[in-house]
Amino acid sequence: MKNKIKLISVLASLALLTGCGALNNSEQALEYNNAPQTDAAEETSEVPDCCEGGESDCCKEDSKKDCCKDKEESVSEAAKAAAPEKADLNLGYLNSTAHLLAFVAAEEGYFAEEGLNVTLTQFSSAGELVNGLESGKLDVAFIGSVPTLTFQSQGHDVTIIGGAMTNGHGYVIKSEFAEKDEEGVEILKGRNVASVKNSVQDAELQILLKDAGIEIGEGEDKVNIVYFDSQKDAYAALSNQTIDAASVYSPYASLAKSQGYKVVYYCAHEKALENQPCCRQVASAAAVKANPNTFTALERAFLKAYHLTQENHEKTIADVKKYIDIDEEFIETEVYGGYSVSSPDPDKKGTLTLKDTIVELGYTEDYDIEPLYNTEIYKAALDSILAESSDDIYKSLEEHFNAYE
């Protein structure tokens, strides 16, 4: 459909530029009506309309072939310019409902609509995803914002091109240490807490502990953070007697509650963590520069996926379940329960704020992020979508982009 629309647009533009528009056709029709029928019939037989409403000079017998050839070549060049430079892509994601834009785009055929053949592969950690990008095994990955920022600061070629999810994480604790959900970080005092180093969950916990005046370390008035390589490992550590609480991202909070654990906090409900960019779309700067049409097509697919998530909850949940095999009730809670928002918007302003925060926490040294934050791809994709279908959902994305770019 996209190619068809582009083809029509190109033809229409060429018609206006060469004077072959509706006005010229009307003049020809008037001349036809005023002329004797036999002469008009002979004229139209001798000088056919070679280019669908083409100008009369263009369509004379001695020039009509060149006219049509030029027009066909122009259309061909325009279509070629817009086509993805690379159709086969590998996309990496984590075991999280946070990455549902990729799931929906795949299941609803949006990648295919954009001329892409995308293979989705699940990984265990941000480090694995970055290695996949740098080794060429992956073309794009959904990676947590904090690891993305720290890898950038260390000189890795990872560029943010879009968003995946905002908020959607927190911590859970064994029920013997909390009577109800969301009692806050105070209940973590004197506890061993499983977390993942270089993760947004860890950074957020440190922010809240700092704001509450609670030190990190061993002791009754401190919080002892024990680090694991992945979120899966951190959550599994809850089965150990030595671990009292653990970090979570979606859908682990819902799983934890179903198993009797209590939620320490949801980041979406903490004022200090409002609108925290969780996961970002990441690719190598070199790949984005070499294949702008490919990544624009990819972003268009994610935009369409977002649109469906806002209109059809049932279909979205079914699509997610094919990749994250948990109860549909948990998926609905994680996606539509108010704990997170899955959006393709790059949210540059929010990410820059997070960068400043983790620099202050000592997570990483400060660095120039501008060469590693590409919002042009997303804007080009959104503009093209808006030109085709400017409804309230897409308009809201435009408003958000303009406010947070």
Protein backbone atom coordinates (compact mmCIF):
# COMPACT_ATOMS: atom_id res chain seq x y z
CA MET A 1 0.00 0.00 0.00
CA LYS A 2 2.86 2.37 0.90
CA ASN A 3 4.54 1.87 -2.49
CA LYS A 4 1.25 2.42 -4.24
CA ILE A 5 0.69 5.67 -2.40
CA LYS A 6 4.22 6.84 -3.20
CA LEU A 7 3.77 5.94 -6.87
CA ILE A 8 0.54 7.92 -7.06
CA SER A 9 2.19 10.87 -5.31
CA VAL A 10 5.11 10.88 -7.72
CA LEU A 11 2.85 10.71 -10.75
CA ALA A 12 0.71 13.52 -9.42
CA SER A 13 3.76 15.70 -8.78
CA LEU A 14 5.14 15.07 -12.24
CA ALA A 15 1.79 15.91 -13.79
CA LEU A 16 1.75 19.29 -12.07
CA LEU A 17 5.36 20.05 -13.01
CA THR A 18 4.84 19.29 -16.70
CA GLY A 19 1.50 21.05 -16.96
CA CYS A 20 -0.45 17.81 -17.34
CA GLY A 21 -2.85 18.57 -14.48
CA ALA A 22 -6.63 18.78 -14.29
CA LEU A 23 -6.72 22.32 -15.71
CA ASN A 24 -5.01 21.25 -18.93
CA ASN A 25 -7.33 18.24 -19.22
CA SER A 26 -10.34 20.53 -18.86
CA GLU A 27 -9.06 22.77 -21.63
CA GLN A 28 -8.61 19.75 -23.89
CA ALA A 29 -12.15 18.63 -23.09
CA LEU A 30 -13.50 22.07 -23.98
CA GLU A 31 -11.66 22.06 -27.30
CA TYR A 32 -13.09 18.61 -27.97
CA ASN A 33 -16.65 19.77 -27.32
CA ASN A 34 -16.30 22.77 -29.65
CA ALA A 35 -14.69 20.82 -32.47
CA PRO A 36 -16.50 18.75 -35.13
CA GLN A 37 -16.85 15.17 -33.90
CA THR A 38 -15.18 13.60 -36.92
CA ASP A 39 -12.09 15.83 -36.75
CA ALA A 40 -11.76 15.28 -32.99
CA ALA A 41 -11.95 11.53 -33.44
CA GLU A 42 -9.26 11.65 -36.11
CA GLU A 43 -7.04 13.87 -33.91
CA THR A 44 -7.27 11.65 -30.86
CA SER A 45 -6.56 8.63 -33.01
CA GLU A 46 -3.42 10.18 -34.49
CA VAL A 47 -2.11 11.67 -31.23
CA PRO A 48 -2.90 9.24 -28.38
CA ASP A 49 -2.61 10.27 -24.73
CA CYS A 50 0.62 8.43 -24.09
CA CYS A 51 1.21 9.42 -20.47
CA GLU A 52 -2.22 9.40 -18.87
CA GLY A 53 -3.24 13.02 -19.30
CA GLY A 54 0.13 14.16 -20.64
CA GLU A 55 0.60 17.57 -22.23
CA SER A 56 -0.14 17.69 -25.95
CA ASP A 57 3.45 18.70 -26.87
CA CYS A 58 4.69 15.75 -24.87
CA CYS A 59 2.38 13.34 -26.59
CA LYS A 60 3.06 14.11 -30.22
CA GLU A 61 3.94 11.07 -32.26
CA ASP A 62 7.62 12.01 -32.57
CA SER A 63 8.14 12.61 -28.84
CA LYS A 64 5.66 10.42 -26.98
CA LYS A 65 8.12 7.55 -26.48
CA ASP A 66 10.73 9.83 -24.94
CA CYS A 67 8.06 11.47 -22.80
CA CYS A 68 6.83 8.18 -21.37
CA LYS A 69 10.35 6.88 -20.94
CA ASP A 70 11.38 9.97 -18.97
CA LYS A 71 8.33 9.66 -16.78
CA GLU A 72 8.85 5.97 -16.11
CA GLU A 73 12.51 6.56 -15.26
CA SER A 74 11.56 9.34 -12.82
CA VAL A 75 9.03 7.11 -11.08
CA SER A 76 11.54 4.27 -11.00
CA GLU A 77 14.23 6.49 -9.47
CA ALA A 78 11.81 7.82 -6.83
CA ALA A 79 10.70 4.31 -5.88
CA LYS A 80 14.31 3.16 -5.73
CA ALA A 81 15.27 6.08 -3.48
CA ALA A 82 12.53 5.22 -0.98
CA ALA A 83 13.05 1.45 -0.97
CA PRO A 84 14.92 -0.13 1.95
CA GLU A 85 18.62 -0.50 1.16
CA LYS A 86 18.63 -3.71 3.18
CA ALA A 87 15.50 -5.85 3.49
CA ASP A 88 16.68 -8.68 5.77
CA LEU A 89 17.15 -7.55 9.35
CA ASN A 90 17.90 -9.24 12.67
CA LEU A 91 16.32 -7.72 15.76
CA GLY A 92 17.32 -8.57 19.32
CA TYR A 93 15.02 -8.28 22.33
CA LEU A 94 14.79 -9.37 25.98
CA ASN A 95 12.25 -11.55 27.75
CA SER A 96 9.98 -8.61 28.44
CA THR A 97 6.59 -7.29 27.43
CA ALA A 98 8.43 -3.95 27.15
CA HIS A 99 9.48 -4.92 23.63
CA LEU A 100 5.97 -5.52 22.34
CA LEU A 101 6.31 -3.08 19.42
CA ALA A 102 8.54 -5.62 17.69
CA PHE A 103 6.14 -8.47 18.47
CA VAL A 104 3.10 -6.65 17.13
CA ALA A 105 4.93 -5.40 14.03
CA ALA A 106 5.97 -8.95 13.22
CA GLU A 107 2.64 -10.64 13.91
CA GLU A 108 0.49 -8.03 12.18
CA GLY A 109 2.66 -7.99 9.05
CA TYR A 110 3.82 -4.38 9.41
CA PHE A 111 7.45 -5.27 8.72
CA ALA A 112 6.41 -6.99 5.50
CA GLU A 113 4.25 -4.00 4.51
CA GLU A 114 7.38 -1.86 4.71
CA GLY A 115 9.41 -4.22 2.52
CA LEU A 116 11.32 -5.76 5.43
CA ASN A 117 12.00 -9.34 6.46
CA VAL A 118 12.77 -9.12 10.19
CA THR A 119 13.96 -12.05 12.32
CA LEU A 120 13.40 -11.65 16.07
CA THR A 121 15.83 -13.30 18.53
CA GLN A 122 15.63 -13.23 22.32
CA PHE A 123 18.76 -12.45 24.37
CA SER A 124 19.44 -12.51 28.11
CA SER A 125 21.18 -9.20 28.75
CA ALA A 126 22.05 -5.79 27.38
CA GLY A 127 25.68 -6.82 27.06
CA GLU A 128 24.74 -9.68 24.75
CA LEU A 129 22.63 -7.34 22.63
CA VAL A 130 25.45 -4.82 22.23
CA ASN A 131 27.87 -7.61 21.31
CA GLY A 132 25.33 -8.73 18.71
CA LEU A 133 25.21 -5.26 17.19
CA GLU A 134 28.97 -4.84 17.11
CA SER A 135 29.57 -8.30 15.67
CA GLY A 136 27.04 -7.71 12.91
CA LYS A 137 24.74 -10.49 14.08
CA LEU A 138 22.08 -7.90 14.91
CA ASP A 139 20.92 -4.86 12.96
CA VAL A 140 18.80 -3.34 15.71
CA ALA A 141 18.12 -4.13 19.36
CA PHE A 142 15.82 -3.08 22.17
CA ILE A 143 18.19 -2.25 25.05
CA GLY A 144 17.72 -0.62 28.45
CA SER A 145 18.46 3.09 28.50
CA VAL A 146 21.09 2.94 31.27
CA PRO A 147 23.24 0.23 29.65
CA THR A 148 22.87 2.01 26.31
CA LEU A 149 24.20 5.23 27.86
CA THR A 150 27.07 3.53 29.65
CA PHE A 151 28.09 1.60 26.54
CA GLN A 152 28.03 4.86 24.56
CA SER A 153 30.25 6.54 27.14
CA GLN A 154 32.74 3.67 26.82
CA GLY A 155 33.11 4.23 23.09
CA HIS A 156 30.80 1.54 21.72
CA ASP A 157 29.13 2.29 18.39
CA VAL A 158 25.52 2.26 19.59
CA THR A 159 23.11 4.97 18.46
CA ILE A 160 19.62 5.56 19.84
CA ILE A 161 17.05 5.83 17.05
CA GLY A 162 13.76 5.40 18.92
CA GLY A 163 11.99 4.28 22.06
CA ALA A 164 10.45 1.05 23.29
CA MET A 165 9.01 1.57 26.76
CA THR A 166 8.76 4.16 29.53
CA ASN A 167 8.72 2.97 33.19
CA GLY A 168 7.61 -0.66 33.76
CA HIS A 169 10.02 -1.77 36.49
CA GLY A 170 10.60 -1.73 40.24
CA TYR A 171 11.43 -4.14 43.07
CA VAL A 172 9.64 -6.97 44.86
CA ILE A 173 10.23 -8.45 48.32
CA LYS A 174 9.34 -11.63 50.18
CA SER A 175 5.98 -11.35 51.90
CA GLU A 176 7.41 -11.88 55.42
CA PHE A 177 9.10 -8.49 55.13
CA ALA A 178 6.11 -6.48 53.86
CA GLU A 179 2.43 -6.48 54.75
CA LYS A 180 1.24 -4.79 51.57
CA ASP A 181 2.41 -3.56 48.19
CA GLU A 182 4.30 -0.33 47.61
CA GLU A 183 5.55 0.39 51.13
CA GLY A 184 8.60 2.06 49.63
CA VAL A 185 12.38 1.62 49.81
CA GLU A 186 12.41 1.99 53.61
CA ILE A 187 11.46 -1.70 53.93
CA LEU A 188 14.68 -2.66 52.16
CA LYS A 189 16.82 -1.58 55.12
CA GLY A 190 18.92 -4.44 56.40
CA ARG A 191 17.99 -6.59 53.40
CA ASN A 192 19.96 -8.32 50.66
CA VAL A 193 18.59 -7.14 47.35
CA ALA A 194 19.26 -8.85 44.01
CA SER A 195 19.76 -6.47 41.11
CA VAL A 196 21.48 -6.17 37.74
CA LYS A 197 24.53 -3.95 37.42
CA ASN A 198 24.37 -1.38 34.66
CA SER A 199 20.57 -1.46 34.49
CA VAL A 200 17.84 1.13 34.77
CA GLN A 201 16.42 -0.84 37.73
CA ASP A 202 19.68 -0.45 39.65
CA ALA A 203 20.01 3.24 38.79
CA GLU A 204 16.46 3.94 39.92
CA LEU A 205 16.97 2.12 43.21
CA GLN A 206 20.09 4.17 43.88
CA ILE A 207 18.19 7.38 43.10
CA LEU A 208 15.44 6.50 45.58
CA LEU A 209 17.88 5.37 48.27
CA LYS A 210 19.86 8.58 47.89
CA ASP A 211 16.69 10.70 48.13
CA ALA A 212 15.66 8.77 51.27
CA GLY A 213 19.11 9.15 52.85
CA ILE A 214 19.71 5.40 52.93
CA GLU A 215 23.25 4.12 52.39
CA ILE A 216 24.22 1.13 50.30
CA GLY A 217 26.10 -1.60 52.11
CA GLU A 218 25.78 -4.19 54.86
CA GLY A 219 24.05 -3.27 58.11
CA GLU A 220 20.62 -2.83 59.66
CA ASP A 221 20.20 0.72 58.34
CA LYS A 222 21.69 0.03 54.91
CA VAL A 223 20.63 -1.82 51.77
CA ASN A 224 22.99 -4.50 50.52
CA ILE A 225 22.79 -4.81 46.75
CA VAL A 226 23.89 -8.16 45.28
CA TYR A 227 24.48 -8.03 41.53
CA PHE A 228 23.58 -10.65 38.91
CA ASP A 229 24.23 -10.85 35.18
CA SER A 230 20.60 -10.71 34.05
CA GLN A 231 17.11 -9.90 35.26
CA LYS A 232 16.20 -13.58 34.99
CA ASP A 233 19.04 -14.51 37.33
CA ALA A 234 18.19 -11.73 39.77
CA TYR A 235 14.58 -12.83 39.99
CA ALA A 236 15.54 -16.50 40.34
CA ALA A 237 17.74 -15.53 43.29
CA LEU A 238 14.60 -14.89 45.34
CA SER A 239 14.42 -18.64 45.84
CA ASN A 240 17.63 -18.41 47.88
CA GLN A 241 17.35 -17.84 51.62
CA THR A 242 20.04 -15.17 51.49
CA ILE A 243 18.15 -12.92 49.06
CA ASP A 244 15.20 -10.92 50.41
CA ALA A 245 14.18 -8.75 47.47
CA ALA A 246 14.89 -8.40 43.77
CA SER A 247 14.65 -5.99 40.88
CA VAL A 248 11.99 -6.59 38.24
CA TYR A 249 10.98 -5.36 34.82
CA SER A 250 7.79 -6.31 33.04
CA PRO A 251 6.41 -8.95 33.30
CA TYR A 252 8.29 -10.09 36.42
CA ALA A 253 6.30 -7.84 38.77
CA SER A 254 3.04 -9.59 37.84
CA LEU A 255 4.70 -13.00 38.08
CA ALA A 256 6.08 -12.12 41.51
CA LYS A 257 2.70 -11.03 42.84
CA SER A 258 1.12 -14.25 41.59
CA GLN A 259 3.76 -16.16 43.56
CA GLY A 260 3.05 -14.32 46.80
CA TYR A 261 5.73 -11.62 46.76
CA LYS A 262 4.96 -7.97 47.55
CA VAL A 263 5.86 -5.02 45.35
CA VAL A 264 8.30 -2.62 47.03
CA TYR A 265 7.55 0.07 44.44
CA TYR A 266 6.58 0.60 40.83
CA CYS A 267 8.79 3.23 39.21
CA ALA A 268 5.73 4.73 37.49
CA HIS A 269 4.36 5.66 40.92
CA GLU A 270 7.54 7.34 42.21
CA LYS A 271 7.68 11.10 41.58
CA ALA A 272 11.48 11.02 41.23
CA LEU A 273 11.15 8.44 38.45
CA GLU A 274 8.23 9.85 36.45
CA ASN A 275 8.38 9.17 32.71
CA GLN A 276 11.66 7.32 33.05
CA PRO A 277 12.82 6.06 29.63
CA CYS A 278 13.36 2.35 30.13
CA CYS A 279 14.29 0.74 26.83
CA ARG A 280 15.53 2.35 23.62
CA GLN A 281 15.85 1.21 20.03
CA VAL A 282 19.56 0.96 19.32
CA ALA A 283 21.63 0.37 16.18
CA SER A 284 25.15 1.12 15.06
CA ALA A 285 25.72 4.65 13.78
CA ALA A 286 27.42 3.26 10.68
CA ALA A 287 24.42 1.05 9.83
CA VAL A 288 21.93 3.90 10.24
CA LYS A 289 24.01 6.18 8.04
CA ALA A 290 24.38 3.54 5.33
CA ASN A 291 20.71 2.43 5.38
CA PRO A 292 18.46 5.40 6.20
CA ASN A 293 15.52 4.07 4.17
CA THR A 294 15.74 0.71 5.92
CA PHE A 295 15.57 2.23 9.37
CA THR A 296 12.82 4.64 8.34
CA ALA A 297 10.79 1.66 7.11
CA LEU A 298 11.51 -0.13 10.39
CA GLU A 299 10.29 2.88 12.34
CA ARG A 300 7.13 3.08 10.25
CA ALA A 301 6.39 -0.51 11.20
CA PHE A 302 6.83 0.32 14.90
CA LEU A 303 4.54 3.33 14.53
CA LYS A 304 1.85 1.15 13.01
CA ALA A 305 2.35 -1.36 15.82
CA TYR A 306 1.89 1.39 18.42
CA HIS A 307 -1.31 2.47 16.69
CA LEU A 308 -2.72 -1.05 16.97
CA THR A 309 -1.79 -1.31 20.67
CA GLN A 310 -3.90 1.76 21.32
CA GLU A 311 -6.90 0.49 19.38
CA ASN A 312 -6.96 -3.26 19.91
CA HIS A 313 -5.94 -4.58 23.33
CA GLU A 314 -7.07 -8.12 22.64
CA LYS A 315 -4.99 -8.52 19.50
CA THR A 316 -1.98 -6.87 21.15
CA ILE A 317 -2.09 -9.27 24.09
CA ALA A 318 -2.37 -12.26 21.74
CA ASP A 319 0.65 -11.04 19.74
CA VAL A 320 2.76 -10.52 22.87
CA LYS A 321 1.90 -13.97 24.23
CA LYS A 322 3.56 -15.60 21.21
CA TYR A 323 6.89 -14.20 22.41
CA ILE A 324 6.39 -13.88 26.18
CA ASP A 325 4.52 -17.03 27.18
CA ILE A 326 2.79 -16.05 30.40
CA ASP A 327 -0.87 -15.77 31.36
CA GLU A 328 -2.74 -13.24 29.27
CA GLU A 329 -3.95 -11.64 32.50
CA PHE A 330 -0.34 -10.78 33.41
CA ILE A 331 0.31 -9.36 29.96
CA GLU A 332 -2.76 -7.17 30.20
CA THR A 333 -1.67 -5.90 33.62
CA GLU A 334 1.86 -5.11 32.47
CA VAL A 335 0.82 -3.47 29.20
CA TYR A 336 -2.41 -1.72 30.14
CA GLY A 337 -2.31 -1.58 33.94
CA GLY A 338 -0.80 1.89 34.12
CA TYR A 339 2.71 0.76 35.03
CA SER A 340 4.33 1.42 31.66
CA VAL A 341 3.87 2.89 28.18
CA SER A 342 5.31 1.20 25.09
CA SER A 343 6.00 3.94 22.56
CA PRO A 344 8.46 4.29 19.66
CA ASP A 345 9.13 7.96 20.50
CA PRO A 346 12.89 8.58 21.06
CA ASP A 347 12.10 10.83 24.09
CA LYS A 348 15.45 12.57 23.80
CA LYS A 349 14.74 15.06 26.57
CA GLY A 350 13.94 12.32 29.10
CA THR A 351 16.96 10.27 28.12
CA LEU A 352 19.31 13.25 28.44
CA THR A 353 17.96 13.87 31.94
CA LEU A 354 18.62 10.22 32.80
CA LYS A 355 22.15 10.52 31.39
CA ASP A 356 22.89 13.45 33.69
CA THR A 357 21.52 11.47 36.63
CA ILE A 358 23.68 8.39 36.10
CA VAL A 359 26.75 10.57 35.58
CA GLU A 360 25.99 12.13 38.97
CA LEU A 361 25.58 8.65 40.49
CA GLY A 362 28.99 7.70 39.18
CA TYR A 363 27.67 5.13 36.73
CA THR A 364 29.67 6.64 33.92
CA GLU A 365 31.79 9.59 32.86
CA ASP A 366 30.12 12.44 31.02
CA TYR A 367 30.34 12.42 27.22
CA ASP A 368 28.89 14.05 24.09
CA ILE A 369 25.71 12.12 23.30
CA GLU A 370 24.62 14.23 20.32
CA PRO A 371 26.41 12.16 17.62
CA LEU A 372 24.83 9.05 19.13
CA TYR A 373 21.21 10.19 19.26
CA ASN A 374 19.42 10.12 15.91
CA THR A 375 15.88 11.51 15.95
CA GLU A 376 15.79 12.19 12.21
CA ILE A 377 14.85 8.61 11.34
CA TYR A 378 11.84 8.66 13.66
CA LYS A 379 10.73 12.10 12.46
CA ALA A 380 10.94 11.06 8.81
CA ALA A 381 8.88 7.95 9.53
CA LEU A 382 6.29 9.84 11.57
CA ASP A 383 5.97 12.60 8.96
CA SER A 384 5.38 10.05 6.22
CA ILE A 385 2.77 8.24 8.32
CA LEU A 386 1.01 11.51 9.13
CA ALA A 387 0.88 12.35 5.42
CA GLU A 388 -1.05 9.12 4.88
CA SER A 389 -3.25 8.93 7.97
CA SER A 390 -3.37 11.88 10.35
CA ASP A 391 -5.64 10.53 13.10
CA ASP A 392 -5.64 11.38 16.82
CA ILE A 393 -3.23 8.58 17.76
CA TYR A 394 -0.56 9.64 15.31
CA LYS A 395 -1.16 13.32 16.09
CA SER A 396 -0.55 12.61 19.79
CA LEU A 397 2.80 11.06 18.86
CA GLU A 398 3.65 14.17 16.86
CA GLU A 399 2.79 16.39 19.81
CA HIS A 400 4.89 14.27 22.18
CA PHE A 401 7.86 14.25 19.80
CA ASN A 402 7.74 18.03 19.40
CA ALA A 403 7.63 18.46 23.18
CA TYR A 404 10.38 15.97 24.09
CA GLU A 405 12.70 15.93 21.05
